[in-house]
Amino acid sequence: VAALQDEKNSLMSENEIMNDRLEQLDDSLDDPSTVVAKKYFKAQLQLEQLQEENFRLEAAKDDYRVHCEDLEKQLIELQHRNNELTSLAEESR
């Protein structure tokens, strides 16, 4: 029991130390002059830029998909037309 109480006290102490460190990190993020905060805000800005770029690329991909589908339809129509003209040319020969 004594060993378990010592371990419990040790873990509680370690937990308190970790909570203090976490609080310090949170405080450092709130202070824009710290290196950690600057890196955090830079990473956050980069993330936002990448999300915007991703959105733009997704929209472009959708546009290209629609354009590709239109071109495929035109290709099929032109192939049919070519077949018709080829058969008419053979008939006229």
N, C-alpha and C. Protein backbone atom coordinates (compact mmCIF):
# COMPACT_ATOMS: atom_id res chain seq x y z
N VAL A 1 0.84 -1.20 0.00
CA VAL A 1 0.00 0.00 0.00
C VAL A 1 0.87 1.24 0.00
N ALA A 2 1.93 1.22 0.80
CA ALA A 2 2.82 2.37 0.87
C ALA A 2 3.49 2.62 -0.48
N ALA A 3 3.89 1.54 -1.16
CA ALA A 3 4.51 1.68 -2.48
C ALA A 3 3.53 2.27 -3.48
N LEU A 4 2.29 1.85 -3.41
CA LEU A 4 1.27 2.39 -4.32
C LEU A 4 0.99 3.86 -4.02
N GLN A 5 0.99 4.22 -2.74
CA GLN A 5 0.79 5.62 -2.38
C GLN A 5 1.95 6.47 -2.87
N ASP A 6 3.18 5.94 -2.75
CA ASP A 6 4.34 6.67 -3.26
C ASP A 6 4.25 6.84 -4.77
N GLU A 7 3.85 5.78 -5.46
CA GLU A 7 3.71 5.86 -6.91
C GLU A 7 2.62 6.85 -7.29
N LYS A 8 1.52 6.82 -6.53
CA LYS A 8 0.42 7.77 -6.78
C LYS A 8 0.90 9.19 -6.58
N ASN A 9 1.62 9.45 -5.49
CA ASN A 9 2.14 10.79 -5.24
C ASN A 9 3.12 11.22 -6.34
N SER A 10 3.94 10.29 -6.78
CA SER A 10 4.89 10.58 -7.85
C SER A 10 4.16 10.93 -9.14
N LEU A 11 3.13 10.16 -9.47
CA LEU A 11 2.36 10.42 -10.68
C LEU A 11 1.59 11.74 -10.58
N MET A 12 1.07 12.02 -9.42
CA MET A 12 0.37 13.30 -9.22
C MET A 12 1.34 14.46 -9.39
N SER A 13 2.54 14.32 -8.85
CA SER A 13 3.56 15.36 -8.99
C SER A 13 3.93 15.53 -10.45
N GLU A 14 4.14 14.42 -11.15
CA GLU A 14 4.48 14.48 -12.57
C GLU A 14 3.34 15.10 -13.37
N ASN A 15 2.12 14.76 -13.03
CA ASN A 15 0.95 15.32 -13.69
C ASN A 15 0.90 16.84 -13.48
N GLU A 16 1.18 17.28 -12.29
CA GLU A 16 1.18 18.71 -11.99
C GLU A 16 2.26 19.43 -12.81
N ILE A 17 3.43 18.81 -12.90
CA ILE A 17 4.52 19.40 -13.69
C ILE A 17 4.12 19.50 -15.16
N MET A 18 3.50 18.44 -15.68
CA MET A 18 3.06 18.44 -17.08
C MET A 18 1.99 19.49 -17.32
N ASN A 19 1.07 19.64 -16.37
CA ASN A 19 0.04 20.67 -16.50
C ASN A 19 0.65 22.06 -16.51
N ASP A 20 1.67 22.28 -15.67
CA ASP A 20 2.36 23.56 -15.66
C ASP A 20 3.03 23.84 -17.00
N ARG A 21 3.68 22.80 -17.54
CA ARG A 21 4.34 22.95 -18.85
C ARG A 21 3.32 23.24 -19.94
N LEU A 22 2.19 22.58 -19.87
CA LEU A 22 1.14 22.80 -20.84
C LEU A 22 0.62 24.24 -20.75
N GLU A 23 0.45 24.72 -19.53
CA GLU A 23 0.01 26.10 -19.32
C GLU A 23 1.02 27.08 -19.90
N GLN A 24 2.31 26.81 -19.68
CA GLN A 24 3.36 27.67 -20.22
C GLN A 24 3.33 27.69 -21.74
N LEU A 25 3.11 26.52 -22.34
CA LEU A 25 3.02 26.47 -23.79
C LEU A 25 1.82 27.24 -24.30
N ASP A 26 0.69 27.09 -23.61
CA ASP A 26 -0.50 27.84 -24.00
C ASP A 26 -0.25 29.34 -23.89
N ASP A 27 0.43 29.74 -22.82
CA ASP A 27 0.74 31.15 -22.64
C ASP A 27 1.69 31.64 -23.72
N SER A 28 2.64 30.80 -24.13
CA SER A 28 3.60 31.22 -25.14
C SER A 28 2.92 31.37 -26.50
N LEU A 29 1.85 30.60 -26.74
CA LEU A 29 1.13 30.77 -28.00
C LEU A 29 0.33 32.06 -28.01
N ASP A 30 -0.09 32.50 -26.85
CA ASP A 30 -0.86 33.73 -26.76
C ASP A 30 0.03 34.96 -26.95
N ASP A 31 1.30 34.84 -26.62
CA ASP A 31 2.25 35.95 -26.76
C ASP A 31 2.86 35.90 -28.16
N PRO A 32 2.47 36.84 -29.04
CA PRO A 32 2.93 36.77 -30.42
C PRO A 32 4.43 37.01 -30.61
N SER A 33 5.12 37.41 -29.57
CA SER A 33 6.54 37.71 -29.72
C SER A 33 7.42 36.47 -29.52
N THR A 34 6.88 35.37 -29.05
CA THR A 34 7.69 34.19 -28.80
C THR A 34 7.93 33.43 -30.10
N VAL A 35 8.99 32.69 -30.14
CA VAL A 35 9.35 31.92 -31.33
C VAL A 35 8.29 30.86 -31.62
N VAL A 36 7.82 30.23 -30.57
CA VAL A 36 6.80 29.19 -30.75
C VAL A 36 5.53 29.79 -31.36
N ALA A 37 5.12 30.92 -30.87
CA ALA A 37 3.91 31.57 -31.38
C ALA A 37 4.10 31.98 -32.83
N LYS A 38 5.27 32.50 -33.14
CA LYS A 38 5.54 32.92 -34.53
C LYS A 38 5.48 31.71 -35.46
N LYS A 39 6.08 30.61 -35.03
CA LYS A 39 6.03 29.40 -35.85
C LYS A 39 4.61 28.88 -35.97
N TYR A 40 3.87 28.95 -34.88
CA TYR A 40 2.49 28.49 -34.89
C TYR A 40 1.64 29.31 -35.86
N PHE A 41 1.76 30.63 -35.77
CA PHE A 41 0.97 31.49 -36.65
C PHE A 41 1.41 31.35 -38.10
N LYS A 42 2.70 31.15 -38.32
CA LYS A 42 3.20 30.94 -39.68
C LYS A 42 2.63 29.64 -40.24
N ALA A 43 2.64 28.59 -39.42
CA ALA A 43 2.09 27.31 -39.85
C ALA A 43 0.59 27.42 -40.11
N GLN A 44 -0.08 28.18 -39.26
CA GLN A 44 -1.53 28.37 -39.43
C GLN A 44 -1.82 29.12 -40.73
N LEU A 45 -1.03 30.14 -41.03
CA LEU A 45 -1.20 30.89 -42.27
C LEU A 45 -0.92 30.00 -43.47
N GLN A 46 0.12 29.20 -43.38
CA GLN A 46 0.46 28.30 -44.46
C GLN A 46 -0.67 27.28 -44.67
N LEU A 47 -1.24 26.79 -43.60
CA LEU A 47 -2.35 25.86 -43.70
C LEU A 47 -3.54 26.50 -44.41
N GLU A 48 -3.85 27.74 -44.05
CA GLU A 48 -4.97 28.44 -44.70
C GLU A 48 -4.70 28.63 -46.19
N GLN A 49 -3.44 28.99 -46.53
CA GLN A 49 -3.10 29.18 -47.93
C GLN A 49 -3.21 27.86 -48.70
N LEU A 50 -2.77 26.78 -48.09
CA LEU A 50 -2.86 25.48 -48.74
C LEU A 50 -4.31 25.04 -48.91
N GLN A 51 -5.14 25.37 -47.93
CA GLN A 51 -6.56 25.03 -48.05
C GLN A 51 -7.20 25.82 -49.19
N GLU A 52 -6.84 27.10 -49.32
CA GLU A 52 -7.36 27.90 -50.42
C GLU A 52 -6.88 27.36 -51.76
N GLU A 53 -5.60 27.00 -51.82
CA GLU A 53 -5.04 26.44 -53.05
C GLU A 53 -5.72 25.12 -53.38
N ASN A 54 -5.96 24.31 -52.39
CA ASN A 54 -6.65 23.03 -52.59
C ASN A 54 -8.06 23.26 -53.13
N PHE A 55 -8.76 24.24 -52.57
CA PHE A 55 -10.12 24.56 -53.03
C PHE A 55 -10.08 25.01 -54.49
N ARG A 56 -9.10 25.86 -54.82
CA ARG A 56 -8.96 26.36 -56.19
C ARG A 56 -8.68 25.20 -57.15
N LEU A 57 -7.79 24.31 -56.75
CA LEU A 57 -7.44 23.18 -57.60
C LEU A 57 -8.61 22.21 -57.77
N GLU A 58 -9.38 22.02 -56.70
CA GLU A 58 -10.56 21.15 -56.80
C GLU A 58 -11.58 21.74 -57.79
N ALA A 59 -11.75 23.07 -57.73
CA ALA A 59 -12.68 23.72 -58.65
C ALA A 59 -12.18 23.58 -60.09
N ALA A 60 -10.88 23.77 -60.30
CA ALA A 60 -10.30 23.62 -61.63
C ALA A 60 -10.45 22.18 -62.12
N LYS A 61 -10.26 21.22 -61.22
CA LYS A 61 -10.41 19.81 -61.58
C LYS A 61 -11.83 19.53 -62.04
N ASP A 62 -12.80 20.08 -61.33
CA ASP A 62 -14.20 19.89 -61.71
C ASP A 62 -14.47 20.51 -63.08
N ASP A 63 -13.91 21.71 -63.32
CA ASP A 63 -14.08 22.37 -64.62
C ASP A 63 -13.48 21.51 -65.73
N TYR A 64 -12.29 20.98 -65.50
CA TYR A 64 -11.64 20.14 -66.51
C TYR A 64 -12.41 18.84 -66.74
N ARG A 65 -12.99 18.31 -65.69
CA ARG A 65 -13.78 17.08 -65.84
C ARG A 65 -14.98 17.35 -66.74
N VAL A 66 -15.68 18.46 -66.53
CA VAL A 66 -16.83 18.80 -67.36
C VAL A 66 -16.38 19.02 -68.80
N HIS A 67 -15.26 19.73 -68.96
CA HIS A 67 -14.74 19.99 -70.31
C HIS A 67 -14.37 18.68 -70.99
N CYS A 68 -13.75 17.79 -70.27
CA CYS A 68 -13.36 16.48 -70.81
C CYS A 68 -14.59 15.68 -71.23
N GLU A 69 -15.63 15.72 -70.43
CA GLU A 69 -16.86 15.01 -70.78
C GLU A 69 -17.46 15.58 -72.05
N ASP A 70 -17.44 16.91 -72.19
CA ASP A 70 -17.94 17.54 -73.41
C ASP A 70 -17.12 17.11 -74.62
N LEU A 71 -15.80 17.08 -74.47
CA LEU A 71 -14.94 16.67 -75.57
C LEU A 71 -15.16 15.20 -75.94
N GLU A 72 -15.40 14.37 -74.95
CA GLU A 72 -15.69 12.96 -75.23
C GLU A 72 -17.00 12.82 -76.02
N LYS A 73 -18.00 13.61 -75.65
CA LYS A 73 -19.27 13.59 -76.39
C LYS A 73 -19.05 14.03 -77.83
N GLN A 74 -18.27 15.10 -78.00
CA GLN A 74 -17.98 15.59 -79.35
C GLN A 74 -17.22 14.53 -80.16
N LEU A 75 -16.29 13.85 -79.52
CA LEU A 75 -15.52 12.81 -80.19
C LEU A 75 -16.43 11.69 -80.68
N ILE A 76 -17.35 11.27 -79.83
CA ILE A 76 -18.28 10.21 -80.21
C ILE A 76 -19.15 10.66 -81.37
N GLU A 77 -19.64 11.90 -81.31
CA GLU A 77 -20.46 12.43 -82.40
C GLU A 77 -19.66 12.50 -83.69
N LEU A 78 -18.42 12.95 -83.60
CA LEU A 78 -17.59 13.04 -84.79
C LEU A 78 -17.23 11.67 -85.36
N GLN A 79 -17.04 10.70 -84.49
CA GLN A 79 -16.79 9.34 -84.97
C GLN A 79 -18.00 8.78 -85.72
N HIS A 80 -19.19 9.04 -85.17
CA HIS A 80 -20.41 8.61 -85.84
C HIS A 80 -20.56 9.30 -87.19
N ARG A 81 -20.30 10.58 -87.19
CA ARG A 81 -20.39 11.37 -88.43
C ARG A 81 -19.37 10.87 -89.44
N ASN A 82 -18.18 10.56 -88.97
CA ASN A 82 -17.14 10.05 -89.86
C ASN A 82 -17.56 8.70 -90.46
N ASN A 83 -18.13 7.85 -89.62
CA ASN A 83 -18.61 6.55 -90.11
C ASN A 83 -19.70 6.73 -91.17
N GLU A 84 -20.60 7.68 -90.92
CA GLU A 84 -21.68 7.94 -91.89
C GLU A 84 -21.09 8.43 -93.21
N LEU A 85 -20.17 9.38 -93.11
CA LEU A 85 -19.57 9.92 -94.32
C LEU A 85 -18.74 8.87 -95.06
N THR A 86 -18.09 8.00 -94.31
CA THR A 86 -17.30 6.94 -94.93
C THR A 86 -18.21 5.98 -95.68
N SER A 87 -19.33 5.63 -95.07
CA SER A 87 -20.27 4.73 -95.74
C SER A 87 -20.90 5.40 -96.96
N LEU A 88 -21.20 6.70 -96.88
CA LEU A 88 -21.74 7.42 -98.03
C LEU A 88 -20.71 7.50 -99.16
N ALA A 89 -19.44 7.68 -98.79
CA ALA A 89 -18.40 7.74 -99.80
C ALA A 89 -18.24 6.39 -100.49
N GLU A 90 -18.35 5.31 -99.76
CA GLU A 90 -18.25 3.99 -100.34
C GLU A 90 -19.44 3.70 -101.27
N GLU A 91 -20.61 4.17 -100.85
CA GLU A 91 -21.81 4.00 -101.69
C GLU A 91 -21.68 4.77 -103.00
N SER A 92 -21.13 5.98 -102.91
CA SER A 92 -21.02 6.79 -104.12
C SER A 92 -19.95 6.25 -105.06
N ARG A 93 -18.96 5.50 -104.54
CA ARG A 93 -17.96 4.88 -105.41
C ARG A 93 -18.63 3.79 -106.19
